Amino acid sequence: MKLTARLLVSGALLAATLVGLQLRSTGEAVPLRRPLASFPTALGEWQARETSPLDVDTLQVLRPADYLVRRDVDKAGRSLWLYIGYWDSQRKGAQPHSPKHCLPGGGWEPLEASTISIPLGAGAAPLVVNRFLLQKEAQQQLVLYWFDAQGRAVAGEVEAKVEMVRSAIFRNRTDGAIVRVSSPVYGSVAQTTERLVRYVQALYPVLGDYLPG
C-alpha cells in the first residue's frame, strides 16, 4: 500500500474512532491543578508585562476551559508571547488548533517548519517541539510549540490526537493542552531560537504545577 493511501486509511480510522468515542460517552472533564491566571509572572530572565484576552470569535471557535496569553520581556527589553490553552475535555469538538493552520494569514507567510530538541537538564528526557518561522514583508516571527497529552509532551498533531484517543479508551479522559511561545526575530533566527529555547527551559518545569498528568 502506498504511503498516501496508508495515511488516508489511518486518518479515516482515527476520525471514526473519535466519532465513536464522542457518541459512546461524555467522558470525564479534568480540571487544571491551578488556574492559569495564577501562573508565575517571573520566569528565568523574563518578566510578565501584560496579558491579552482572546476575542469572542476566537473563544467560540477554540472553546478552551482555561487559557493564558501574555507578553514577557527580558532584561534587554525584547518581547515574547506565551500562549497556554487547556481543554478539560475534547469530546464535543473543543480542541487545540495547530499554529501551522492558525498563524498564517494577515500577510504572514510560512518560511520554515521543523522540530528541535530542547535539553531539560540531567536525568530528564529532551523536549521535542515544533519550530515555525513566518515572514510578513521585512518582519519575521519565530514560534515554538507543542501539545501536552496529560503530562506527556507531544510535537505532532496526529500523535497528540492518537494519545487523546488512547487515553479516552483506557482512562476515560480527553483533556489536553497546547503551549506556544513566539517572538519577533531579534538579530538572527538562530539567536532568537536560542532565546526561546532558554525561555522554554525556564517555563517547562512550572507547567507540571498547572497541567494535570
C-alpha atoms as a PDB file:
ATOM      1  CA  MET A   1       0.000   0.000   0.000  1.00  0.00           C
ATOM      2  CA  LYS A   2       1.384   3.390  -0.925  1.00  0.00           C
ATOM      3  CA  LEU A   3       2.265   5.892   1.795  1.00  0.00           C
ATOM      4  CA  THR A   4      -0.541   8.283   0.802  1.00  0.00           C
ATOM      5  CA  ALA A   5      -3.106   5.503   0.948  1.00  0.00           C
ATOM      6  CA  ARG A   6      -1.838   4.362   4.340  1.00  0.00           C
ATOM      7  CA  LEU A   7      -2.112   7.902   5.673  1.00  0.00           C
ATOM      8  CA  LEU A   8      -5.653   8.219   4.370  1.00  0.00           C
ATOM      9  CA  VAL A   9      -6.669   4.916   5.948  1.00  0.00           C
ATOM     10  CA  SER A  10      -5.036   5.878   9.253  1.00  0.00           C
ATOM     11  CA  GLY A  11      -6.783   9.246   9.208  1.00  0.00           C
ATOM     12  CA  ALA A  12     -10.148   7.647   8.459  1.00  0.00           C
ATOM     13  CA  LEU A  13      -9.717   5.120  11.271  1.00  0.00           C
ATOM     14  CA  LEU A  14      -8.745   7.870  13.680  1.00  0.00           C
ATOM     15  CA  ALA A  15     -11.731  10.004  12.690  1.00  0.00           C
ATOM     16  CA  ALA A  16     -14.089   7.046  13.059  1.00  0.00           C
ATOM     17  CA  THR A  17     -12.673   6.275  16.486  1.00  0.00           C
ATOM     18  CA  LEU A  18     -13.106   9.870  17.602  1.00  0.00           C
ATOM     19  CA  VAL A  19     -16.724   9.940  16.443  1.00  0.00           C
ATOM     20  CA  GLY A  20     -17.407   6.655  18.187  1.00  0.00           C
ATOM     21  CA  LEU A  21     -15.920   7.894  21.416  1.00  0.00           C
ATOM     22  CA  GLN A  22     -17.988  11.064  21.331  1.00  0.00           C
ATOM     23  CA  LEU A  23     -21.183   9.069  20.789  1.00  0.00           C
ATOM     24  CA  ARG A  24     -20.419   6.456  23.463  1.00  0.00           C
ATOM     25  CA  SER A  25     -19.625   8.627  26.439  1.00  0.00           C
ATOM     26  CA  THR A  26     -19.437  12.171  27.680  1.00  0.00           C
ATOM     27  CA  GLY A  27     -16.166  11.356  29.418  1.00  0.00           C
ATOM     28  CA  GLU A  28     -14.679  12.947  32.457  1.00  0.00           C
ATOM     29  CA  ALA A  29     -13.777  16.647  32.488  1.00  0.00           C
ATOM     30  CA  VAL A  30     -10.445  17.034  34.275  1.00  0.00           C
ATOM     31  CA  PRO A  31      -9.747  20.427  35.861  1.00  0.00           C
ATOM     32  CA  LEU A  32      -6.399  22.165  35.950  1.00  0.00           C
ATOM     33  CA  ARG A  33      -4.335  21.771  39.084  1.00  0.00           C
ATOM     34  CA  ARG A  34      -4.287  25.568  39.364  1.00  0.00           C
ATOM     35  CA  PRO A  35      -5.924  28.301  37.266  1.00  0.00           C
ATOM     36  CA  LEU A  36      -3.646  29.740  34.602  1.00  0.00           C
ATOM     37  CA  ALA A  37      -4.331  33.251  35.917  1.00  0.00           C
ATOM     38  CA  SER A  38      -2.012  32.361  38.809  1.00  0.00           C
ATOM     39  CA  PHE A  39       0.903  31.460  36.522  1.00  0.00           C
ATOM     40  CA  PRO A  40       4.214  32.954  37.809  1.00  0.00           C
ATOM     41  CA  THR A  41       4.959  36.398  36.434  1.00  0.00           C
ATOM     42  CA  ALA A  42       8.730  35.820  36.551  1.00  0.00           C
ATOM     43  CA  LEU A  43      10.337  33.005  34.538  1.00  0.00           C
ATOM     44  CA  GLY A  44      14.122  32.974  34.461  1.00  0.00           C
ATOM     45  CA  GLU A  45      15.281  36.282  32.998  1.00  0.00           C
ATOM     46  CA  TRP A  46      11.778  37.199  31.793  1.00  0.00           C
ATOM     47  CA  GLN A  47       9.094  39.254  33.494  1.00  0.00           C
ATOM     48  CA  ALA A  48       5.412  39.382  32.535  1.00  0.00           C
ATOM     49  CA  ARG A  49       4.290  42.774  31.250  1.00  0.00           C
ATOM     50  CA  GLU A  50       0.716  42.359  30.038  1.00  0.00           C
ATOM     51  CA  THR A  51      -1.973  39.778  29.420  1.00  0.00           C
ATOM     52  CA  SER A  52      -4.219  39.800  26.368  1.00  0.00           C
ATOM     53  CA  PRO A  53      -7.684  38.183  26.340  1.00  0.00           C
ATOM     54  CA  LEU A  54      -8.757  36.308  23.226  1.00  0.00           C
ATOM     55  CA  ASP A  55     -11.567  37.894  21.246  1.00  0.00           C
ATOM     56  CA  VAL A  56     -15.077  36.480  21.397  1.00  0.00           C
ATOM     57  CA  ASP A  57     -14.962  34.907  17.923  1.00  0.00           C
ATOM     58  CA  THR A  58     -11.706  33.083  18.701  1.00  0.00           C
ATOM     59  CA  LEU A  59     -13.067  31.827  22.020  1.00  0.00           C
ATOM     60  CA  GLN A  60     -16.184  30.494  20.321  1.00  0.00           C
ATOM     61  CA  VAL A  61     -14.016  28.512  17.910  1.00  0.00           C
ATOM     62  CA  LEU A  62     -11.416  27.218  20.367  1.00  0.00           C
ATOM     63  CA  ARG A  63     -13.609  26.857  23.473  1.00  0.00           C
ATOM     64  CA  PRO A  64     -10.775  26.290  25.965  1.00  0.00           C
ATOM     65  CA  ALA A  65     -11.589  25.557  29.598  1.00  0.00           C
ATOM     66  CA  ASP A  66      -8.812  27.986  30.552  1.00  0.00           C
ATOM     67  CA  TYR A  67      -6.076  29.873  28.750  1.00  0.00           C
ATOM     68  CA  LEU A  68      -3.281  32.382  29.192  1.00  0.00           C
ATOM     69  CA  VAL A  69      -1.975  34.866  26.631  1.00  0.00           C
ATOM     70  CA  ARG A  70       0.676  37.281  27.826  1.00  0.00           C
ATOM     71  CA  ARG A  71       3.757  39.245  26.824  1.00  0.00           C
ATOM     72  CA  ASP A  72       7.002  38.657  28.694  1.00  0.00           C
ATOM     73  CA  VAL A  73      10.091  40.854  28.434  1.00  0.00           C
ATOM     74  CA  ASP A  74      13.759  40.092  29.139  1.00  0.00           C
ATOM     75  CA  LYS A  75      16.312  42.471  30.663  1.00  0.00           C
ATOM     76  CA  ALA A  76      17.200  43.797  27.194  1.00  0.00           C
ATOM     77  CA  GLY A  77      13.562  44.767  26.577  1.00  0.00           C
ATOM     78  CA  ARG A  78      12.929  42.025  23.997  1.00  0.00           C
ATOM     79  CA  SER A  79       9.359  40.740  23.994  1.00  0.00           C
ATOM     80  CA  LEU A  80       7.943  37.283  23.515  1.00  0.00           C
ATOM     81  CA  TRP A  81       4.392  35.974  23.729  1.00  0.00           C
ATOM     82  CA  LEU A  82       3.286  32.974  25.771  1.00  0.00           C
ATOM     83  CA  TYR A  83       0.053  31.151  24.994  1.00  0.00           C
ATOM     84  CA  ILE A  84      -1.225  28.198  27.008  1.00  0.00           C
ATOM     85  CA  GLY A  85      -4.606  26.741  26.095  1.00  0.00           C
ATOM     86  CA  TYR A  86      -6.211  23.977  28.162  1.00  0.00           C
ATOM     87  CA  TRP A  87      -9.210  21.757  27.363  1.00  0.00           C
ATOM     88  CA  ASP A  88     -10.674  19.702  30.193  1.00  0.00           C
ATOM     89  CA  SER A  89     -12.495  17.541  27.615  1.00  0.00           C
ATOM     90  CA  GLN A  90     -12.216  17.266  23.819  1.00  0.00           C
ATOM     91  CA  ARG A  91     -15.237  15.049  23.175  1.00  0.00           C
ATOM     92  CA  LYS A  92     -17.518  17.835  21.932  1.00  0.00           C
ATOM     93  CA  GLY A  93     -15.244  19.265  19.268  1.00  0.00           C
ATOM     94  CA  ALA A  94     -13.380  21.710  21.521  1.00  0.00           C
ATOM     95  CA  GLN A  95      -9.680  21.082  20.939  1.00  0.00           C
ATOM     96  CA  PRO A  96      -6.310  22.748  20.330  1.00  0.00           C
ATOM     97  CA  HIS A  97      -5.738  24.173  16.859  1.00  0.00           C
ATOM     98  CA  SER A  98      -2.337  23.783  15.230  1.00  0.00           C
ATOM     99  CA  PRO A  99      -0.410  27.068  14.850  1.00  0.00           C
ATOM    100  CA  LYS A 100       0.572  25.843  11.385  1.00  0.00           C
ATOM    101  CA  HIS A 101      -3.037  26.423  10.354  1.00  0.00           C
ATOM    102  CA  CYS A 102      -3.932  29.362  12.612  1.00  0.00           C
ATOM    103  CA  LEU A 103      -0.911  31.666  12.332  1.00  0.00           C
ATOM    104  CA  PRO A 104      -0.528  32.068   8.546  1.00  0.00           C
ATOM    105  CA  GLY A 105      -2.790  34.860   7.349  1.00  0.00           C
ATOM    106  CA  GLY A 106      -2.968  38.607   7.631  1.00  0.00           C
ATOM    107  CA  GLY A 107       0.054  38.823   5.368  1.00  0.00           C
ATOM    108  CA  TRP A 108       2.154  36.307   7.334  1.00  0.00           C
ATOM    109  CA  GLU A 109       3.670  33.546   5.197  1.00  0.00           C
ATOM    110  CA  PRO A 110       5.358  30.374   6.499  1.00  0.00           C
ATOM    111  CA  LEU A 111       9.062  30.050   5.643  1.00  0.00           C
ATOM    112  CA  GLU A 112      10.238  27.030   7.624  1.00  0.00           C
ATOM    113  CA  ALA A 113       8.655  24.240   9.657  1.00  0.00           C
ATOM    114  CA  SER A 114      10.776  21.764  11.599  1.00  0.00           C
ATOM    115  CA  THR A 115      11.250  20.232  15.044  1.00  0.00           C
ATOM    116  CA  ILE A 116      14.028  20.847  17.536  1.00  0.00           C
ATOM    117  CA  SER A 117      15.104  19.031  20.689  1.00  0.00           C
ATOM    118  CA  ILE A 118      15.442  21.114  23.867  1.00  0.00           C
ATOM    119  CA  PRO A 119      17.582  19.745  26.725  1.00  0.00           C
ATOM    120  CA  LEU A 120      15.880  19.938  30.113  1.00  0.00           C
ATOM    121  CA  GLY A 121      18.719  19.048  32.457  1.00  0.00           C
ATOM    122  CA  ALA A 122      20.326  15.981  33.970  1.00  0.00           C
ATOM    123  CA  GLY A 123      18.084  12.925  34.146  1.00  0.00           C
ATOM    124  CA  ALA A 124      15.292  14.461  32.044  1.00  0.00           C
ATOM    125  CA  ALA A 125      14.450  13.456  28.500  1.00  0.00           C
ATOM    126  CA  PRO A 126      14.808  16.300  25.986  1.00  0.00           C
ATOM    127  CA  LEU A 127      11.671  18.146  24.940  1.00  0.00           C
ATOM    128  CA  VAL A 128      10.887  17.893  21.219  1.00  0.00           C
ATOM    129  CA  VAL A 129       8.946  20.913  19.958  1.00  0.00           C
ATOM    130  CA  ASN A 130       7.819  22.367  16.653  1.00  0.00           C
ATOM    131  CA  ARG A 131       9.758  25.324  15.260  1.00  0.00           C
ATOM    132  CA  PHE A 132       7.825  27.550  12.854  1.00  0.00           C
ATOM    133  CA  LEU A 133       9.230  30.599  11.053  1.00  0.00           C
ATOM    134  CA  LEU A 134       6.945  33.164   9.375  1.00  0.00           C
ATOM    135  CA  GLN A 135       7.555  36.369   7.458  1.00  0.00           C
ATOM    136  CA  LYS A 136       5.481  39.477   6.682  1.00  0.00           C
ATOM    137  CA  GLU A 137       7.243  41.957   4.419  1.00  0.00           C
ATOM    138  CA  ALA A 138      10.538  42.663   6.262  1.00  0.00           C
ATOM    139  CA  GLN A 139       9.346  41.244   9.605  1.00  0.00           C
ATOM    140  CA  GLN A 140       9.938  37.701  10.767  1.00  0.00           C
ATOM    141  CA  GLN A 141       8.329  35.816  13.632  1.00  0.00           C
ATOM    142  CA  LEU A 142       9.567  32.602  15.256  1.00  0.00           C
ATOM    143  CA  VAL A 143       7.246  30.162  17.030  1.00  0.00           C
ATOM    144  CA  LEU A 144       7.957  27.142  19.226  1.00  0.00           C
ATOM    145  CA  TYR A 145       5.018  24.970  20.257  1.00  0.00           C
ATOM    146  CA  TRP A 146       3.977  21.534  21.439  1.00  0.00           C
ATOM    147  CA  PHE A 147       0.944  19.700  22.761  1.00  0.00           C
ATOM    148  CA  ASP A 148       0.555  18.361  26.286  1.00  0.00           C
ATOM    149  CA  ALA A 149      -1.152  14.971  26.392  1.00  0.00           C
ATOM    150  CA  GLN A 150      -1.872  14.550  30.103  1.00  0.00           C
ATOM    151  CA  GLY A 151       1.672  15.144  31.255  1.00  0.00           C
ATOM    152  CA  ARG A 152       3.397  13.937  28.084  1.00  0.00           C
ATOM    153  CA  ALA A 153       4.809  16.485  25.654  1.00  0.00           C
ATOM    154  CA  VAL A 154       3.960  15.687  22.022  1.00  0.00           C
ATOM    155  CA  ALA A 155       5.118  17.662  18.987  1.00  0.00           C
ATOM    156  CA  GLY A 156       2.986  16.129  16.229  1.00  0.00           C
ATOM    157  CA  GLU A 157      -0.690  16.976  15.760  1.00  0.00           C
ATOM    158  CA  VAL A 158      -1.614  13.427  14.702  1.00  0.00           C
ATOM    159  CA  GLU A 159       0.372  11.916  17.562  1.00  0.00           C
ATOM    160  CA  ALA A 160      -1.434  14.203  20.016  1.00  0.00           C
ATOM    161  CA  LYS A 161      -4.815  13.019  18.708  1.00  0.00           C
ATOM    162  CA  VAL A 162      -3.725   9.379  18.921  1.00  0.00           C
ATOM    163  CA  GLU A 163      -2.670   9.938  22.539  1.00  0.00           C
ATOM    164  CA  MET A 164      -6.046  11.513  23.247  1.00  0.00           C
ATOM    165  CA  VAL A 165      -7.907   8.543  21.747  1.00  0.00           C
ATOM    166  CA  ARG A 166      -5.762   6.100  23.724  1.00  0.00           C
ATOM    167  CA  SER A 167      -6.452   7.984  26.936  1.00  0.00           C
ATOM    168  CA  ALA A 168     -10.178   8.152  26.161  1.00  0.00           C
ATOM    169  CA  ILE A 169     -10.265   4.368  25.800  1.00  0.00           C
ATOM    170  CA  PHE A 170      -8.151   3.425  28.797  1.00  0.00           C
ATOM    171  CA  ARG A 171      -8.641   6.371  31.200  1.00  0.00           C
ATOM    172  CA  ASN A 172     -11.939   7.908  30.062  1.00  0.00           C
ATOM    173  CA  ARG A 173     -10.108  11.241  29.703  1.00  0.00           C
ATOM    174  CA  THR A 174      -9.658  13.550  26.729  1.00  0.00           C
ATOM    175  CA  ASP A 175      -8.123  16.587  28.424  1.00  0.00           C
ATOM    176  CA  GLY A 176      -5.117  18.224  26.781  1.00  0.00           C
ATOM    177  CA  ALA A 177      -3.259  21.458  26.209  1.00  0.00           C
ATOM    178  CA  ILE A 178      -1.120  23.395  23.770  1.00  0.00           C
ATOM    179  CA  VAL A 179       1.854  25.551  24.731  1.00  0.00           C
ATOM    180  CA  ARG A 180       3.144  28.162  22.274  1.00  0.00           C
ATOM    181  CA  VAL A 181       5.983  30.660  22.602  1.00  0.00           C
ATOM    182  CA  SER A 182       6.537  33.243  19.865  1.00  0.00           C
ATOM    183  CA  SER A 183       8.778  36.223  19.268  1.00  0.00           C
ATOM    184  CA  PRO A 184       9.795  38.707  16.609  1.00  0.00           C
ATOM    185  CA  VAL A 185      13.205  37.807  15.224  1.00  0.00           C
ATOM    186  CA  TYR A 186      15.766  39.911  17.083  1.00  0.00           C
ATOM    187  CA  GLY A 187      19.201  39.747  15.462  1.00  0.00           C
ATOM    188  CA  SER A 188      19.309  36.420  13.639  1.00  0.00           C
ATOM    189  CA  VAL A 189      16.884  33.499  13.535  1.00  0.00           C
ATOM    190  CA  ALA A 190      19.494  31.369  15.329  1.00  0.00           C
ATOM    191  CA  GLN A 191      19.832  33.916  18.137  1.00  0.00           C
ATOM    192  CA  THR A 192      16.073  34.156  18.531  1.00  0.00           C
ATOM    193  CA  THR A 193      15.796  30.369  18.602  1.00  0.00           C
ATOM    194  CA  GLU A 194      18.387  30.191  21.379  1.00  0.00           C
ATOM    195  CA  ARG A 195      16.493  32.831  23.366  1.00  0.00           C
ATOM    196  CA  LEU A 196      13.163  30.990  23.028  1.00  0.00           C
ATOM    197  CA  VAL A 197      14.859  27.723  23.990  1.00  0.00           C
ATOM    198  CA  ARG A 198      16.105  29.316  27.224  1.00  0.00           C
ATOM    199  CA  TYR A 199      12.593  30.574  27.912  1.00  0.00           C
ATOM    200  CA  VAL A 200      11.095  27.120  27.372  1.00  0.00           C
ATOM    201  CA  GLN A 201      13.699  25.662  29.722  1.00  0.00           C
ATOM    202  CA  ALA A 202      12.538  28.095  32.410  1.00  0.00           C
ATOM    203  CA  LEU A 203       8.854  27.550  31.596  1.00  0.00           C
ATOM    204  CA  TYR A 204       8.618  23.779  31.291  1.00  0.00           C
ATOM    205  CA  PRO A 205       9.216  22.790  34.941  1.00  0.00           C
ATOM    206  CA  VAL A 206       6.407  25.113  36.036  1.00  0.00           C
ATOM    207  CA  LEU A 207       3.790  23.561  33.739  1.00  0.00           C
ATOM    208  CA  GLY A 208       3.502  20.461  35.890  1.00  0.00           C
ATOM    209  CA  ASP A 209       2.067  22.595  38.697  1.00  0.00           C
ATOM    210  CA  TYR A 210      -0.858  23.512  36.413  1.00  0.00           C
ATOM    211  CA  LEU A 211      -1.479  20.832  33.770  1.00  0.00           C
ATOM    212  CA  PRO A 212      -2.810  17.508  35.061  1.00  0.00           C
ATOM    213  CA  GLY A 213      -0.739  14.404  34.404  1.00  0.00           C
END
